[in-house]
Amino acid sequence: MIAGTGTSHHGALVGQFMLRSAGLDAWAVRAFELANYPPALRPDDGLVLLSHRGTKRFSRGALDVFASTSEHWVVISGEDAPLDGDRVVRTVVQERSPVHTASHTAAMLRLAQIAAALGDAPWRSELAGLPDAVAAAVAMRGDVLAAAAWIEPGAAVHFTGGGPGRATAYEGALKLREASHVVSAEGHDIEGILHGPLVSIQEGQAVLVIAQPGPSLERAREVGDALREVGARVVAIGAAAPEVEAQLRIATPEVDEVLAPIVNVVPLQWLAYEVSQRFGVNADTFRRDEPRYAAAQSKFTL
């Protein structure tokens, strides 16, 4: 199992595809559910827990539940996190912003390294090229400006992707919510968007489609065609972006489909930042500087 919360859960979704492609049986679970509604655990089961800071209540709870039945666990966490020992794999220095970006891409890279070490990963040789691919994606900041201009306060923005790209869509929506505060964003799997959400998408709304070579690409093309018929502003992001009907295409470096989320999430992180800047929002506050939101966040412990 791979467990996490929020962005870390999205990383876990990517990790399950990495491990499966390496020949292992893997499932992503939410840390809250593992802590409170655990499945029947067997002594030979394994857990990879993702936690940026290593302090979240239910991430620690999930680890406690699992560790009570098995010693086969690993934690992926940032530097200086309180968890320690030879089962803790470090990523990057702790980010000051709660809108985690670098720690997310680093955690997915660690998952890829673990999958390659445990199984027969057909993409193993591509790991060495990932830093350059991510650097190329970081340089695409200017490419998202047109998409940022399409997003208005109060508007709904949709993200969709299939397979590993589903996690990228979920994460893109979450980053946009966290960073801009005043935008409503939803993430959908590439099939699920056709089963209801499509009819709620209005003319002029922005929809970002993750387009990566693989089994989901044909459906992504059909989704792009359908969205253009209803008048949505479609942004295709990924190595196969040129193959999707869209008004804006951001073609990222081509890597294996299970590694692509490490690269494709970067333009979406830039998008969240650019939208926050456009609206004059400090993306790093998490609205803790606003009394009502500060009061709301005092009602629970993360």
Protein backbone atom coordinates (compact mmCIF):
# COMPACT_ATOMS: atom_id res chain seq x y z
CA MET A 1 0.00 0.00 0.00
CA ILE A 2 0.99 3.61 -0.56
CA ALA A 3 -0.69 6.08 1.77
CA GLY A 4 -0.90 9.83 2.11
CA THR A 5 -3.22 12.81 2.51
CA GLY A 6 -4.01 15.57 0.01
CA THR A 7 -1.03 16.12 -2.27
CA SER A 8 0.66 13.09 -0.70
CA HIS A 9 -2.35 10.96 -1.62
CA HIS A 10 -1.99 12.16 -5.20
CA GLY A 11 1.63 11.05 -5.03
CA ALA A 12 0.43 7.69 -3.73
CA LEU A 13 -1.88 7.35 -6.74
CA VAL A 14 1.13 7.83 -9.00
CA GLY A 15 3.17 5.41 -6.92
CA GLN A 16 0.68 2.58 -7.36
CA PHE A 17 1.14 2.76 -11.14
CA MET A 18 4.93 2.84 -10.78
CA LEU A 19 4.95 -0.23 -8.57
CA ARG A 20 2.44 -2.09 -10.73
CA SER A 21 4.48 -1.42 -13.87
CA ALA A 22 7.48 -2.91 -12.04
CA GLY A 23 5.48 -6.11 -11.44
CA LEU A 24 4.27 -5.50 -7.88
CA ASP A 25 0.76 -5.49 -6.44
CA ALA A 26 0.12 -1.95 -5.19
CA TRP A 27 -2.82 0.17 -4.08
CA ALA A 28 -3.06 3.80 -3.03
CA VAL A 29 -5.06 4.51 0.13
CA ARG A 30 -5.86 7.66 2.05
CA ALA A 31 -4.02 7.90 5.35
CA PHE A 32 -7.25 8.78 7.19
CA GLU A 33 -8.93 5.61 5.94
CA LEU A 34 -5.93 3.41 6.69
CA ALA A 35 -5.86 4.81 10.24
CA ASN A 36 -9.59 4.48 10.87
CA TYR A 37 -10.91 1.84 8.46
CA PRO A 38 -7.92 -0.43 7.84
CA PRO A 39 -8.21 -3.44 5.53
CA ALA A 40 -7.28 -6.90 6.71
CA LEU A 41 -3.51 -6.55 6.96
CA ARG A 42 -1.18 -9.50 6.46
CA PRO A 43 2.29 -9.86 7.98
CA ASP A 44 3.96 -9.75 4.56
CA ASP A 45 2.14 -6.60 3.38
CA GLY A 46 4.21 -3.47 2.89
CA LEU A 47 3.51 0.24 3.32
CA VAL A 48 5.06 3.33 1.78
CA LEU A 49 3.80 6.40 3.66
CA LEU A 50 4.13 9.84 2.10
CA SER A 51 4.22 12.83 4.45
CA HIS A 52 5.87 16.16 3.58
CA ARG A 53 6.54 17.16 7.20
CA GLY A 54 5.99 13.86 9.01
CA THR A 55 3.67 15.50 11.52
CA LYS A 56 0.14 15.05 10.18
CA ARG A 57 -2.23 13.38 12.62
CA PHE A 58 -3.63 10.66 10.39
CA SER A 59 -0.41 10.00 8.52
CA ARG A 60 1.15 9.08 11.86
CA GLY A 61 -2.02 7.19 12.78
CA ALA A 62 -1.87 5.17 9.58
CA LEU A 63 1.75 4.28 10.28
CA ASP A 64 0.91 3.23 13.83
CA VAL A 65 -1.89 0.95 12.62
CA PHE A 66 0.27 -0.66 9.96
CA ALA A 67 3.39 -1.00 12.10
CA SER A 68 1.36 -2.93 14.68
CA THR A 69 1.06 -5.84 12.22
CA SER A 70 4.11 -5.56 9.95
CA GLU A 71 7.68 -4.32 9.92
CA HIS A 72 7.64 -3.80 6.16
CA TRP A 73 7.19 -0.04 5.98
CA VAL A 74 9.01 2.99 4.63
CA VAL A 75 8.25 6.70 5.09
CA ILE A 76 9.06 9.29 2.42
CA SER A 77 9.38 12.69 4.09
CA GLY A 78 11.25 15.97 3.96
CA GLU A 79 14.51 16.84 5.64
CA ASP A 80 14.31 17.52 9.38
CA ALA A 81 10.95 15.76 9.69
CA PRO A 82 10.57 14.23 13.18
CA LEU A 83 10.40 10.68 11.85
CA ASP A 84 13.86 9.16 11.83
CA GLY A 85 15.68 5.91 11.24
CA ASP A 86 16.77 3.72 8.36
CA ARG A 87 13.16 3.34 7.16
CA VAL A 88 12.81 7.07 6.48
CA VAL A 89 13.70 8.26 2.98
CA ARG A 90 14.35 12.00 2.73
CA THR A 91 13.30 14.29 -0.12
CA VAL A 92 14.03 18.04 0.09
CA VAL A 93 14.37 20.80 2.67
CA GLN A 94 11.08 21.70 4.32
CA GLU A 95 9.08 24.13 2.21
CA ARG A 96 7.88 27.28 3.97
CA SER A 97 4.68 27.31 1.92
CA PRO A 98 1.89 24.86 2.75
CA VAL A 99 1.26 24.68 -1.02
CA HIS A 100 3.80 21.91 -1.45
CA THR A 101 5.45 21.74 -4.86
CA ALA A 102 9.11 20.63 -4.84
CA SER A 103 8.46 18.14 -2.05
CA HIS A 104 5.70 16.55 -4.15
CA THR A 105 7.85 16.06 -7.24
CA ALA A 106 10.69 14.80 -5.04
CA ALA A 107 8.41 12.32 -3.28
CA MET A 108 7.25 10.91 -6.63
CA LEU A 109 10.88 10.53 -7.69
CA ARG A 110 11.59 8.60 -4.49
CA LEU A 111 8.62 6.35 -5.27
CA ALA A 112 10.04 5.70 -8.73
CA GLN A 113 13.41 4.80 -7.23
CA ILE A 114 11.77 2.42 -4.77
CA ALA A 115 9.73 0.77 -7.54
CA ALA A 116 12.85 0.38 -9.68
CA ALA A 117 14.73 -1.17 -6.76
CA LEU A 118 11.95 -3.63 -5.88
CA GLY A 119 10.85 -4.80 -9.31
CA ASP A 120 11.56 -5.01 -13.00
CA ALA A 121 10.73 -1.46 -14.08
CA PRO A 122 10.78 -1.09 -17.90
CA TRP A 123 11.44 2.65 -17.49
CA ARG A 124 14.42 2.30 -15.15
CA SER A 125 16.83 3.81 -17.69
CA GLU A 126 14.71 6.99 -17.86
CA LEU A 127 15.28 7.93 -14.22
CA ALA A 128 18.60 9.61 -14.97
CA GLY A 129 16.90 11.95 -17.46
CA LEU A 130 14.13 13.12 -15.13
CA PRO A 131 16.01 16.15 -13.72
CA ASP A 132 16.44 17.55 -17.22
CA ALA A 133 12.80 16.86 -18.07
CA VAL A 134 11.64 18.65 -14.91
CA ALA A 135 13.98 21.55 -15.64
CA ALA A 136 12.42 21.85 -19.10
CA ALA A 137 8.96 21.91 -17.49
CA VAL A 138 10.06 24.59 -15.02
CA ALA A 139 11.11 26.71 -18.01
CA MET A 140 7.51 26.56 -19.32
CA ARG A 141 6.26 29.20 -16.89
CA GLY A 142 5.45 31.61 -19.72
CA ASP A 143 3.41 28.95 -21.52
CA VAL A 144 0.72 28.96 -18.82
CA LEU A 145 0.08 32.71 -18.89
CA ALA A 146 -2.62 32.44 -21.56
CA ALA A 147 -4.44 29.81 -19.52
CA ALA A 148 -4.13 31.94 -16.38
CA ALA A 149 -5.82 34.82 -18.22
CA TRP A 150 -8.87 32.62 -18.89
CA ILE A 151 -9.55 32.00 -15.19
CA GLU A 152 -11.83 34.39 -13.30
CA PRO A 153 -12.75 34.67 -9.60
CA GLY A 154 -15.70 32.45 -8.76
CA ALA A 155 -15.34 30.50 -11.98
CA ALA A 156 -15.10 26.72 -12.06
CA VAL A 157 -11.95 25.26 -13.59
CA HIS A 158 -11.77 21.57 -14.46
CA PHE A 159 -8.79 19.23 -14.74
CA THR A 160 -8.94 15.72 -16.17
CA GLY A 161 -6.56 12.88 -16.85
CA GLY A 162 -6.46 9.11 -17.06
CA GLY A 163 -4.29 6.45 -15.44
CA PRO A 164 -1.31 8.14 -13.77
CA GLY A 165 -2.57 11.42 -15.28
CA ARG A 166 -5.63 11.25 -13.02
CA ALA A 167 -3.37 12.09 -10.08
CA THR A 168 -1.95 15.03 -12.03
CA ALA A 169 -5.47 16.33 -12.67
CA TYR A 170 -6.39 16.01 -8.98
CA GLU A 171 -3.19 17.78 -7.95
CA GLY A 172 -3.65 20.58 -10.49
CA ALA A 173 -7.09 21.31 -9.09
CA LEU A 174 -5.84 21.21 -5.51
CA LYS A 175 -2.91 23.56 -6.21
CA LEU A 176 -5.21 26.06 -7.92
CA ARG A 177 -7.58 26.06 -4.93
CA GLU A 178 -4.81 26.33 -2.36
CA ALA A 179 -2.85 29.06 -4.12
CA SER A 180 -5.56 31.34 -5.51
CA HIS A 181 -8.26 30.96 -2.79
CA VAL A 182 -11.04 32.47 -4.92
CA VAL A 183 -11.21 29.91 -7.74
CA SER A 184 -13.28 26.74 -7.65
CA ALA A 185 -11.42 23.83 -9.24
CA GLU A 186 -12.33 20.20 -9.76
CA GLY A 187 -10.25 17.20 -10.78
CA HIS A 188 -11.78 14.30 -12.73
CA ASP A 189 -10.62 11.01 -14.16
CA ILE A 190 -10.74 11.00 -17.94
CA GLU A 191 -13.72 8.65 -18.10
CA GLY A 192 -15.57 10.10 -15.13
CA ILE A 193 -15.75 13.60 -16.62
CA LEU A 194 -18.03 12.20 -19.34
CA HIS A 195 -20.43 10.65 -16.82
CA GLY A 196 -22.07 13.80 -15.50
CA PRO A 197 -19.50 16.58 -15.05
CA LEU A 198 -19.41 17.37 -18.79
CA VAL A 199 -22.99 18.68 -18.76
CA SER A 200 -22.10 21.18 -16.01
CA ILE A 201 -19.18 22.70 -17.91
CA GLN A 202 -20.17 26.05 -19.35
CA GLU A 203 -19.05 27.87 -22.45
CA GLY A 204 -15.84 29.79 -21.78
CA GLN A 205 -14.78 27.75 -18.76
CA ALA A 206 -11.20 26.51 -18.73
CA VAL A 207 -10.58 22.76 -18.80
CA LEU A 208 -7.09 21.30 -18.58
CA VAL A 209 -6.63 17.87 -20.16
CA ILE A 210 -3.59 15.74 -19.31
CA ALA A 211 -2.48 14.19 -22.62
CA GLN A 212 0.19 11.53 -22.37
CA PRO A 213 0.99 8.60 -24.68
CA GLY A 214 -0.68 5.51 -23.24
CA PRO A 215 -4.07 3.79 -22.92
CA SER A 216 -5.82 7.01 -21.82
CA LEU A 217 -4.80 9.09 -24.82
CA GLU A 218 -7.65 8.04 -27.13
CA ARG A 219 -10.20 9.00 -24.48
CA ALA A 220 -8.38 12.28 -23.87
CA ARG A 221 -8.76 13.10 -27.58
CA GLU A 222 -12.49 12.38 -27.40
CA VAL A 223 -12.84 14.52 -24.28
CA GLY A 224 -11.04 17.36 -26.03
CA ASP A 225 -13.39 17.09 -29.01
CA ALA A 226 -16.45 17.10 -26.75
CA LEU A 227 -15.25 20.07 -24.72
CA ARG A 228 -14.66 22.18 -27.78
CA GLU A 229 -18.22 21.43 -28.94
CA VAL A 230 -19.63 22.97 -25.75
CA GLY A 231 -17.36 26.00 -26.09
CA ALA A 232 -14.93 25.29 -23.26
CA ARG A 233 -11.44 26.72 -23.38
CA VAL A 234 -9.29 23.60 -23.53
CA VAL A 235 -5.67 23.43 -22.44
CA ALA A 236 -3.83 20.20 -23.28
CA ILE A 237 -0.76 19.45 -21.17
CA GLY A 238 1.65 16.56 -21.67
CA ALA A 239 3.89 14.95 -24.23
CA ALA A 240 0.83 14.17 -26.41
CA ALA A 241 -0.70 17.65 -26.10
CA PRO A 242 -0.39 18.27 -29.87
CA GLU A 243 -2.72 15.32 -30.45
CA VAL A 244 -5.66 16.78 -28.48
CA GLU A 245 -8.14 19.33 -29.81
CA ALA A 246 -7.32 22.39 -27.71
CA GLN A 247 -6.95 26.14 -27.87
CA LEU A 248 -3.67 25.97 -25.96
CA ARG A 249 -1.18 23.11 -25.98
CA ILE A 250 1.74 22.77 -23.58
CA ALA A 251 3.91 19.91 -24.79
CA THR A 252 6.17 18.58 -22.03
CA PRO A 253 9.21 16.32 -22.54
CA GLU A 254 8.29 12.74 -23.35
CA VAL A 255 8.89 10.22 -20.59
CA ASP A 256 7.19 6.95 -19.69
CA GLU A 257 3.54 7.38 -18.75
CA VAL A 258 4.08 6.36 -15.12
CA LEU A 259 6.90 8.90 -14.71
CA ALA A 260 5.07 11.69 -16.56
CA PRO A 261 3.26 13.05 -13.44
CA ILE A 262 6.64 14.16 -12.08
CA VAL A 263 7.03 16.38 -15.16
CA ASN A 264 3.44 17.32 -16.06
CA VAL A 265 2.53 18.67 -12.63
CA VAL A 266 5.10 21.47 -12.93
CA PRO A 267 3.16 23.62 -15.46
CA LEU A 268 0.09 23.19 -13.25
CA GLN A 269 2.05 24.43 -10.25
CA TRP A 270 3.08 27.46 -12.30
CA LEU A 271 -0.54 27.99 -13.32
CA ALA A 272 -1.65 28.08 -9.68
CA TYR A 273 1.04 30.61 -8.88
CA GLU A 274 0.30 32.84 -11.87
CA VAL A 275 -3.42 32.86 -11.08
CA SER A 276 -2.71 33.80 -7.47
CA GLN A 277 -0.49 36.66 -8.63
CA ARG A 278 -3.14 37.85 -11.07
CA PHE A 279 -5.70 38.07 -8.27
CA GLY A 280 -3.28 39.62 -5.78
CA VAL A 281 -3.39 36.60 -3.49
CA ASN A 282 -0.46 35.52 -1.33
CA ALA A 283 -0.37 31.83 -2.18
CA ASP A 284 1.61 30.96 0.94
CA THR A 285 -0.81 32.20 3.61
CA PHE A 286 -3.43 29.42 3.42
CA ARG A 287 -5.76 32.28 4.46
CA ARG A 288 -4.45 32.12 8.01
CA ASP A 289 -4.18 35.91 7.91
CA GLU A 290 -7.98 36.18 7.51
CA PRO A 291 -9.88 35.96 10.83
CA ARG A 292 -12.70 33.71 9.65
CA TYR A 293 -10.38 31.22 8.01
CA ALA A 294 -7.95 31.35 10.92
CA ALA A 295 -10.88 30.61 13.23
CA ALA A 296 -12.04 27.77 10.98
CA GLN A 297 -8.59 26.19 11.02
CA SER A 298 -8.48 26.41 14.80
CA LYS A 299 -11.35 23.93 14.96
CA PHE A 300 -9.27 20.94 13.88
CA THR A 301 -5.77 19.47 14.01
CA LEU A 302 -4.13 18.33 10.80
